[in-house]
């Protein structure tokens, strides 16, 4: 991608803003940049299965587990919103 394109500028701006957010329920972003015209961001490695993979597996979610997950997501969104992300 073109380093100066509006999409590239937006990517870097939003990634840098996201990197400022620190919360237990948000994967930290360590670096943002462009190499050979390709935008990148580096994030922490989190061991485990993704939510998408868990949902695709057909695993049943109990009501308490769903409520716990929703609360964690809401807390993460609140923190991101607090940082204008």
N, C-alpha and C. Protein backbone atom coordinates (compact mmCIF):
# COMPACT_ATOMS: atom_id res chain seq x y z
N UNK A 1 0.81 -1.19 0.00
CA UNK A 1 0.00 0.00 0.00
C UNK A 1 0.85 1.25 0.00
N UNK A 2 0.31 2.30 -0.55
CA UNK A 2 0.95 3.61 -0.60
C UNK A 2 1.03 4.19 0.81
N UNK A 3 2.24 4.54 1.26
CA UNK A 3 2.44 5.05 2.61
C UNK A 3 1.65 6.32 2.87
N UNK A 4 1.41 7.11 1.84
CA UNK A 4 0.75 8.40 2.04
C UNK A 4 -0.74 8.36 1.73
N UNK A 5 -1.28 7.20 1.40
CA UNK A 5 -2.69 7.12 1.09
C UNK A 5 -3.52 7.42 2.33
N UNK A 6 -4.73 7.94 2.14
CA UNK A 6 -5.60 8.20 3.30
C UNK A 6 -5.84 6.95 4.15
N UNK A 7 -5.96 5.79 3.50
CA UNK A 7 -6.18 4.55 4.25
C UNK A 7 -4.96 4.21 5.10
N UNK A 8 -3.75 4.39 4.56
CA UNK A 8 -2.52 4.11 5.31
C UNK A 8 -2.37 5.07 6.48
N UNK A 9 -2.66 6.34 6.24
CA UNK A 9 -2.60 7.33 7.32
C UNK A 9 -3.59 6.98 8.42
N UNK A 10 -4.79 6.60 8.03
CA UNK A 10 -5.82 6.25 9.02
C UNK A 10 -5.39 5.02 9.82
N UNK A 11 -4.85 4.01 9.11
CA UNK A 11 -4.38 2.80 9.79
C UNK A 11 -3.36 3.15 10.87
N UNK A 12 -2.34 3.93 10.50
CA UNK A 12 -1.29 4.27 11.46
C UNK A 12 -1.84 5.12 12.61
N UNK A 13 -2.70 6.07 12.31
CA UNK A 13 -3.29 6.92 13.35
C UNK A 13 -4.11 6.09 14.34
N UNK A 14 -4.96 5.22 13.82
CA UNK A 14 -5.81 4.40 14.70
C UNK A 14 -4.98 3.36 15.46
N UNK A 15 -3.98 2.79 14.82
CA UNK A 15 -3.14 1.81 15.50
C UNK A 15 -2.34 2.47 16.63
N UNK A 16 -1.81 3.68 16.38
CA UNK A 16 -1.08 4.38 17.44
C UNK A 16 -2.01 4.74 18.60
N UNK A 17 -3.22 5.17 18.30
CA UNK A 17 -4.19 5.48 19.35
C UNK A 17 -4.52 4.22 20.14
N UNK A 18 -4.72 3.11 19.46
CA UNK A 18 -5.02 1.83 20.12
C UNK A 18 -3.86 1.37 20.99
N UNK A 19 -2.64 1.66 20.57
CA UNK A 19 -1.46 1.25 21.33
C UNK A 19 -1.39 1.94 22.69
N UNK A 20 -2.09 3.04 22.85
CA UNK A 20 -2.09 3.78 24.12
C UNK A 20 -3.02 3.15 25.14
N UNK A 21 -3.90 2.27 24.70
CA UNK A 21 -4.88 1.65 25.60
C UNK A 21 -4.24 0.47 26.31
N UNK A 22 -4.30 0.49 27.63
CA UNK A 22 -3.80 -0.62 28.44
C UNK A 22 -4.95 -1.13 29.30
N UNK A 23 -5.33 -2.36 29.07
CA UNK A 23 -6.43 -2.97 29.83
C UNK A 23 -6.26 -4.47 29.78
N UNK A 24 -6.61 -5.14 30.86
CA UNK A 24 -6.44 -6.58 30.96
C UNK A 24 -7.20 -7.33 29.86
N UNK A 25 -8.28 -6.76 29.34
CA UNK A 25 -9.09 -7.44 28.33
C UNK A 25 -8.80 -6.97 26.90
N UNK A 26 -7.71 -6.24 26.71
CA UNK A 26 -7.33 -5.76 25.38
C UNK A 26 -5.90 -6.18 25.10
N UNK A 27 -5.68 -6.83 23.97
CA UNK A 27 -4.35 -7.26 23.58
C UNK A 27 -3.48 -6.03 23.32
N UNK A 28 -2.32 -5.93 23.99
CA UNK A 28 -1.48 -4.75 23.80
C UNK A 28 -0.81 -4.72 22.42
N UNK A 29 -0.71 -3.50 21.89
CA UNK A 29 0.00 -3.25 20.64
C UNK A 29 1.35 -2.67 21.01
N UNK A 30 2.44 -3.27 20.48
CA UNK A 30 3.78 -2.84 20.83
C UNK A 30 4.38 -1.86 19.82
N UNK A 31 4.07 -2.05 18.55
CA UNK A 31 4.71 -1.22 17.53
C UNK A 31 3.79 -1.07 16.33
N UNK A 32 3.93 0.05 15.65
CA UNK A 32 3.14 0.36 14.45
C UNK A 32 4.11 0.97 13.45
N UNK A 33 3.99 0.59 12.19
CA UNK A 33 4.87 1.19 11.20
C UNK A 33 4.59 0.70 9.80
N UNK A 34 5.54 0.98 8.93
CA UNK A 34 5.45 0.58 7.52
C UNK A 34 6.81 0.04 7.10
N UNK A 35 6.81 -1.12 6.47
CA UNK A 35 8.03 -1.71 5.93
C UNK A 35 7.78 -2.03 4.47
N UNK A 36 8.63 -1.49 3.60
CA UNK A 36 8.51 -1.71 2.15
C UNK A 36 7.09 -1.41 1.67
N UNK A 37 6.50 -0.35 2.21
CA UNK A 37 5.17 0.07 1.78
C UNK A 37 4.02 -0.72 2.38
N UNK A 38 4.32 -1.65 3.30
CA UNK A 38 3.28 -2.47 3.91
C UNK A 38 3.11 -2.03 5.37
N UNK A 39 1.89 -1.64 5.72
CA UNK A 39 1.60 -1.26 7.10
C UNK A 39 1.61 -2.49 7.99
N UNK A 40 2.09 -2.32 9.22
CA UNK A 40 2.08 -3.43 10.17
C UNK A 40 1.83 -2.91 11.57
N UNK A 41 1.40 -3.82 12.42
CA UNK A 41 1.41 -3.57 13.86
C UNK A 41 1.80 -4.86 14.52
N UNK A 42 2.53 -4.76 15.61
CA UNK A 42 2.92 -5.96 16.35
C UNK A 42 2.18 -5.94 17.68
N UNK A 43 1.66 -7.12 18.02
CA UNK A 43 0.84 -7.26 19.22
C UNK A 43 1.41 -8.38 20.07
N UNK A 44 0.99 -8.40 21.32
CA UNK A 44 1.39 -9.47 22.24
C UNK A 44 0.83 -10.80 21.74
N UNK A 45 1.57 -11.87 22.00
CA UNK A 45 1.09 -13.20 21.71
C UNK A 45 0.27 -13.66 22.91
N UNK A 46 -0.94 -14.09 22.67
CA UNK A 46 -1.80 -14.60 23.73
C UNK A 46 -2.11 -16.05 23.41
N UNK A 47 -1.64 -16.93 24.27
CA UNK A 47 -1.83 -18.36 24.07
C UNK A 47 -3.28 -18.74 24.34
N UNK A 48 -3.84 -19.55 23.49
CA UNK A 48 -5.20 -20.02 23.70
C UNK A 48 -6.00 -19.99 22.41
N UNK A 49 -7.23 -20.38 22.53
CA UNK A 49 -8.13 -20.47 21.38
C UNK A 49 -8.87 -19.15 21.22
N UNK A 50 -9.04 -18.71 19.99
CA UNK A 50 -9.78 -17.48 19.74
C UNK A 50 -11.27 -17.70 19.99
N UNK A 51 -11.98 -16.61 20.21
CA UNK A 51 -13.42 -16.70 20.38
C UNK A 51 -14.06 -17.28 19.12
N UNK A 52 -13.58 -16.87 17.96
CA UNK A 52 -14.13 -17.38 16.70
C UNK A 52 -13.98 -18.90 16.62
N UNK A 53 -12.81 -19.42 16.99
CA UNK A 53 -12.59 -20.86 16.95
C UNK A 53 -13.48 -21.58 17.96
N UNK A 54 -13.65 -20.98 19.13
CA UNK A 54 -14.51 -21.57 20.15
C UNK A 54 -15.95 -21.63 19.65
N UNK A 55 -16.41 -20.56 19.04
CA UNK A 55 -17.78 -20.54 18.51
C UNK A 55 -17.96 -21.55 17.38
N UNK A 56 -16.95 -21.66 16.50
CA UNK A 56 -17.02 -22.60 15.38
C UNK A 56 -17.00 -24.06 15.84
N UNK A 57 -16.43 -24.31 17.02
CA UNK A 57 -16.34 -25.68 17.52
C UNK A 57 -17.70 -26.22 17.95
N UNK A 58 -18.68 -25.34 18.09
CA UNK A 58 -20.00 -25.77 18.52
C UNK A 58 -20.14 -25.90 20.02
N UNK A 59 -19.09 -25.50 20.75
CA UNK A 59 -19.12 -25.58 22.21
C UNK A 59 -20.29 -24.74 22.74
N UNK A 60 -21.00 -25.31 23.68
CA UNK A 60 -22.14 -24.61 24.30
C UNK A 60 -21.63 -23.59 25.31
N UNK A 61 -22.27 -22.45 25.34
CA UNK A 61 -21.95 -21.41 26.31
C UNK A 61 -23.09 -21.31 27.31
N UNK A 62 -22.77 -21.46 28.59
CA UNK A 62 -23.79 -21.31 29.62
C UNK A 62 -24.13 -19.82 29.77
N UNK A 63 -25.27 -19.53 30.37
CA UNK A 63 -25.66 -18.14 30.59
C UNK A 63 -24.61 -17.42 31.44
N UNK A 64 -24.14 -17.99 32.55
CA UNK A 64 -23.11 -17.29 33.33
C UNK A 64 -21.83 -17.02 32.53
N UNK A 65 -21.43 -18.00 31.70
CA UNK A 65 -20.22 -17.79 30.88
C UNK A 65 -20.45 -16.67 29.87
N UNK A 66 -21.62 -16.63 29.25
CA UNK A 66 -21.95 -15.55 28.31
C UNK A 66 -21.93 -14.19 29.00
N UNK A 67 -22.53 -14.13 30.18
CA UNK A 67 -22.57 -12.87 30.92
C UNK A 67 -21.16 -12.41 31.31
N UNK A 68 -20.32 -13.35 31.70
CA UNK A 68 -18.93 -13.02 32.05
C UNK A 68 -18.20 -12.47 30.83
N UNK A 69 -18.36 -13.11 29.69
CA UNK A 69 -17.72 -12.67 28.46
C UNK A 69 -18.23 -11.29 28.04
N UNK A 70 -19.53 -11.08 28.10
CA UNK A 70 -20.11 -9.78 27.74
C UNK A 70 -19.57 -8.69 28.65
N UNK A 71 -19.46 -8.98 29.95
CA UNK A 71 -18.93 -7.97 30.88
C UNK A 71 -17.49 -7.62 30.53
N UNK A 72 -16.66 -8.64 30.25
CA UNK A 72 -15.26 -8.37 29.90
C UNK A 72 -15.15 -7.55 28.62
N UNK A 73 -15.98 -7.87 27.64
CA UNK A 73 -15.98 -7.10 26.39
C UNK A 73 -16.43 -5.66 26.63
N UNK A 74 -17.46 -5.48 27.45
CA UNK A 74 -17.96 -4.14 27.75
C UNK A 74 -16.90 -3.31 28.49
N UNK A 75 -16.18 -3.94 29.42
CA UNK A 75 -15.12 -3.23 30.13
C UNK A 75 -14.00 -2.81 29.18
N UNK A 76 -13.65 -3.68 28.25
CA UNK A 76 -12.62 -3.36 27.26
C UNK A 76 -13.09 -2.22 26.35
N UNK A 77 -14.34 -2.28 25.90
CA UNK A 77 -14.88 -1.20 25.06
C UNK A 77 -14.94 0.12 25.80
N UNK A 78 -15.29 0.08 27.08
CA UNK A 78 -15.33 1.29 27.89
C UNK A 78 -13.94 1.93 27.97
N UNK A 79 -12.92 1.11 28.19
CA UNK A 79 -11.55 1.63 28.27
C UNK A 79 -11.11 2.20 26.94
N UNK A 80 -11.41 1.50 25.85
CA UNK A 80 -11.07 2.01 24.52
C UNK A 80 -11.78 3.34 24.26
N UNK A 81 -13.03 3.42 24.61
CA UNK A 81 -13.81 4.66 24.42
C UNK A 81 -13.21 5.79 25.26
N UNK A 82 -12.76 5.47 26.45
CA UNK A 82 -12.13 6.47 27.31
C UNK A 82 -10.90 7.09 26.63
N UNK A 83 -10.24 6.31 25.76
CA UNK A 83 -9.06 6.77 25.03
C UNK A 83 -9.41 7.23 23.60
N UNK A 84 -10.70 7.42 23.35
CA UNK A 84 -11.18 7.88 22.02
C UNK A 84 -10.84 6.91 20.90
N UNK A 85 -10.81 5.62 21.22
CA UNK A 85 -10.54 4.59 20.20
C UNK A 85 -11.86 3.93 19.86
